[in-house]
Amino acid sequence: MRAGVDVVRLNFSHGVVADHERRIDLVREAARQAGRYVGVLGDLQGPKIRIDRFVAGKITLKDGAEFTLDASLAVDAGTESSVGIAYKKLPSDVFAKHRRACD
C-alpha cells in the first residue's frame, strides 16, 4: 500500500463470499494503516466461451481450411471441420464483421 497501489483486483471466480469479505477487509485495513484510499475492483466472471470435444480426441486445423463453431453439435462430435461450443447463446451474441466486444 505504501508503494502506491490505487486499486486491488479480486477475482470472484474463485472462493466464497466469506473469502472475498475477508480479503476486502484486509485491503481496507492495510489502506487505512498506509493512510491511502484504495479501490477494490471485483472481477466478475462472464460467460465461458469454450469449445466442446472432438471425436478423435485431438485435431490439427489446416491453414486456410474452413472451421465452424456449431452451437447445435453434440458435446463430443467435433471434427476437423466443426466443433460444438459450451456457450449456446454465442451465435445470437455475435454478428458478421464483429471484431471485438465494443463493435
C-alpha atoms as a PDB file:
ATOM      1  CA  MET A   1       0.000   0.000   0.000  1.00  0.00           C
ATOM      2  CA  ARG A   2       2.797   2.412   0.869  1.00  0.00           C
ATOM      3  CA  ALA A   3       4.394   1.772  -2.544  1.00  0.00           C
ATOM      4  CA  GLY A   4       1.396   3.400  -4.217  1.00  0.00           C
ATOM      5  CA  VAL A   5      -1.259   0.835  -5.098  1.00  0.00           C
ATOM      6  CA  ASP A   6      -4.509   2.537  -6.155  1.00  0.00           C
ATOM      7  CA  VAL A   7      -6.768  -0.453  -6.844  1.00  0.00           C
ATOM      8  CA  VAL A   8      -6.769  -4.087  -5.748  1.00  0.00           C
ATOM      9  CA  ARG A   9      -8.441  -6.603  -8.087  1.00  0.00           C
ATOM     10  CA  LEU A  10     -10.327  -9.517  -6.563  1.00  0.00           C
ATOM     11  CA  ASN A  11     -11.185 -12.481  -8.782  1.00  0.00           C
ATOM     12  CA  PHE A  12     -14.696 -13.504  -7.775  1.00  0.00           C
ATOM     13  CA  SER A  13     -14.485 -16.666  -9.909  1.00  0.00           C
ATOM     14  CA  HIS A  14     -12.697 -18.401  -7.031  1.00  0.00           C
ATOM     15  CA  GLY A  15     -13.631 -18.654  -3.378  1.00  0.00           C
ATOM     16  CA  VAL A  16     -16.832 -17.963  -1.481  1.00  0.00           C
ATOM     17  CA  VAL A  17     -18.403 -14.775  -0.161  1.00  0.00           C
ATOM     18  CA  ALA A  18     -16.668 -15.119   3.205  1.00  0.00           C
ATOM     19  CA  ASP A  19     -13.272 -15.336   1.453  1.00  0.00           C
ATOM     20  CA  HIS A  20     -13.987 -12.175  -0.542  1.00  0.00           C
ATOM     21  CA  GLU A  21     -15.224 -10.294   2.526  1.00  0.00           C
ATOM     22  CA  ARG A  22     -12.055 -11.243   4.437  1.00  0.00           C
ATOM     23  CA  ARG A  23      -9.827 -10.067   1.574  1.00  0.00           C
ATOM     24  CA  ILE A  24     -11.735  -6.789   1.239  1.00  0.00           C
ATOM     25  CA  ASP A  25     -11.364  -6.215   4.977  1.00  0.00           C
ATOM     26  CA  LEU A  26      -7.605  -6.876   4.700  1.00  0.00           C
ATOM     27  CA  VAL A  27      -7.282  -4.390   1.822  1.00  0.00           C
ATOM     28  CA  ARG A  28      -9.252  -1.728   3.683  1.00  0.00           C
ATOM     29  CA  GLU A  29      -7.227  -2.204   6.874  1.00  0.00           C
ATOM     30  CA  ALA A  30      -3.895  -2.054   5.019  1.00  0.00           C
ATOM     31  CA  ALA A  31      -5.056   1.079   3.165  1.00  0.00           C
ATOM     32  CA  ARG A  32      -6.136   2.687   6.439  1.00  0.00           C
ATOM     33  CA  GLN A  33      -2.766   1.923   8.018  1.00  0.00           C
ATOM     34  CA  ALA A  34      -0.980   3.376   4.985  1.00  0.00           C
ATOM     35  CA  GLY A  35      -3.184   6.478   5.032  1.00  0.00           C
ATOM     36  CA  ARG A  36      -4.383   5.837   1.481  1.00  0.00           C
ATOM     37  CA  TYR A  37      -7.663   5.482  -0.365  1.00  0.00           C
ATOM     38  CA  VAL A  38      -7.536   2.198  -2.289  1.00  0.00           C
ATOM     39  CA  GLY A  39     -10.291   0.934  -4.545  1.00  0.00           C
ATOM     40  CA  VAL A  40     -11.416  -2.679  -4.675  1.00  0.00           C
ATOM     41  CA  LEU A  41     -12.233  -3.983  -8.157  1.00  0.00           C
ATOM     42  CA  GLY A  42     -14.490  -7.039  -8.182  1.00  0.00           C
ATOM     43  CA  ASP A  43     -13.709  -9.058 -11.305  1.00  0.00           C
ATOM     44  CA  LEU A  44     -16.960 -10.801 -12.222  1.00  0.00           C
ATOM     45  CA  GLN A  45     -16.923 -13.857 -14.437  1.00  0.00           C
ATOM     46  CA  GLY A  46     -18.508 -13.510 -17.846  1.00  0.00           C
ATOM     47  CA  PRO A  47     -19.780 -16.343 -19.997  1.00  0.00           C
ATOM     48  CA  LYS A  48     -17.349 -19.191 -20.512  1.00  0.00           C
ATOM     49  CA  ILE A  49     -16.862 -19.432 -24.248  1.00  0.00           C
ATOM     50  CA  ARG A  50     -15.260 -22.850 -24.656  1.00  0.00           C
ATOM     51  CA  ILE A  51     -15.230 -25.430 -27.407  1.00  0.00           C
ATOM     52  CA  ASP A  52     -16.504 -28.947 -26.751  1.00  0.00           C
ATOM     53  CA  ARG A  53     -14.676 -32.192 -27.575  1.00  0.00           C
ATOM     54  CA  PHE A  54     -13.551 -33.902 -30.770  1.00  0.00           C
ATOM     55  CA  VAL A  55     -14.473 -37.438 -31.836  1.00  0.00           C
ATOM     56  CA  ALA A  56     -10.795 -38.250 -32.431  1.00  0.00           C
ATOM     57  CA  GLY A  57      -9.720 -36.605 -29.180  1.00  0.00           C
ATOM     58  CA  LYS A  58      -7.354 -34.166 -30.885  1.00  0.00           C
ATOM     59  CA  ILE A  59      -7.250 -32.470 -34.279  1.00  0.00           C
ATOM     60  CA  THR A  60      -4.931 -30.212 -36.208  1.00  0.00           C
ATOM     61  CA  LEU A  61      -6.513 -27.310 -38.033  1.00  0.00           C
ATOM     62  CA  LYS A  62      -5.309 -26.937 -41.588  1.00  0.00           C
ATOM     63  CA  ASP A  63      -4.151 -23.483 -42.694  1.00  0.00           C
ATOM     64  CA  GLY A  64      -6.888 -21.873 -44.797  1.00  0.00           C
ATOM     65  CA  ALA A  65      -9.452 -24.627 -44.164  1.00  0.00           C
ATOM     66  CA  GLU A  66     -12.968 -23.640 -43.114  1.00  0.00           C
ATOM     67  CA  PHE A  67     -13.790 -24.390 -39.464  1.00  0.00           C
ATOM     68  CA  THR A  68     -17.172 -23.872 -37.794  1.00  0.00           C
ATOM     69  CA  LEU A  69     -18.180 -23.331 -34.175  1.00  0.00           C
ATOM     70  CA  ASP A  70     -21.573 -25.068 -34.062  1.00  0.00           C
ATOM     71  CA  ALA A  71     -23.889 -24.489 -31.094  1.00  0.00           C
ATOM     72  CA  SER A  72     -26.141 -27.370 -32.193  1.00  0.00           C
ATOM     73  CA  LEU A  73     -23.374 -30.001 -32.378  1.00  0.00           C
ATOM     74  CA  ALA A  74     -23.218 -32.709 -29.703  1.00  0.00           C
ATOM     75  CA  VAL A  75     -20.602 -32.245 -26.975  1.00  0.00           C
ATOM     76  CA  ASP A  76     -18.271 -34.978 -28.252  1.00  0.00           C
ATOM     77  CA  ALA A  77     -18.928 -34.725 -32.014  1.00  0.00           C
ATOM     78  CA  GLY A  78     -16.192 -32.303 -33.123  1.00  0.00           C
ATOM     79  CA  THR A  79     -14.311 -32.987 -36.365  1.00  0.00           C
ATOM     80  CA  GLU A  80     -11.626 -31.257 -38.424  1.00  0.00           C
ATOM     81  CA  SER A  81     -14.342 -29.031 -39.895  1.00  0.00           C
ATOM     82  CA  SER A  82     -16.527 -28.188 -36.869  1.00  0.00           C
ATOM     83  CA  VAL A  83     -16.875 -28.406 -33.112  1.00  0.00           C
ATOM     84  CA  GLY A  84     -19.615 -27.759 -30.590  1.00  0.00           C
ATOM     85  CA  ILE A  85     -19.486 -24.868 -28.135  1.00  0.00           C
ATOM     86  CA  ALA A  86     -20.406 -24.740 -24.460  1.00  0.00           C
ATOM     87  CA  TYR A  87     -21.865 -21.221 -24.696  1.00  0.00           C
ATOM     88  CA  LYS A  88     -25.013 -21.935 -26.730  1.00  0.00           C
ATOM     89  CA  LYS A  89     -26.001 -18.246 -26.989  1.00  0.00           C
ATOM     90  CA  LEU A  90     -22.818 -17.319 -28.872  1.00  0.00           C
ATOM     91  CA  PRO A  91     -24.486 -17.267 -32.328  1.00  0.00           C
ATOM     92  CA  SER A  92     -27.078 -14.736 -31.145  1.00  0.00           C
ATOM     93  CA  ASP A  93     -24.456 -12.631 -29.331  1.00  0.00           C
ATOM     94  CA  VAL A  94     -22.153 -12.059 -32.316  1.00  0.00           C
ATOM     95  CA  PHE A  95     -22.777 -10.728 -35.808  1.00  0.00           C
ATOM     96  CA  ALA A  96     -20.992 -10.796 -39.150  1.00  0.00           C
ATOM     97  CA  LYS A  97     -17.952  -8.493 -39.200  1.00  0.00           C
ATOM     98  CA  HIS A  98     -17.853  -8.112 -35.383  1.00  0.00           C
ATOM     99  CA  ARG A  99     -14.209  -7.828 -34.403  1.00  0.00           C
ATOM    100  CA  ARG A 100     -14.349  -7.051 -30.698  1.00  0.00           C
ATOM    101  CA  ALA A 101     -16.836  -6.601 -27.881  1.00  0.00           C
ATOM    102  CA  CYS A 102     -17.262  -2.868 -28.468  1.00  0.00           C
ATOM    103  CA  ASP A 103     -18.325  -3.124 -32.151  1.00  0.00           C
END
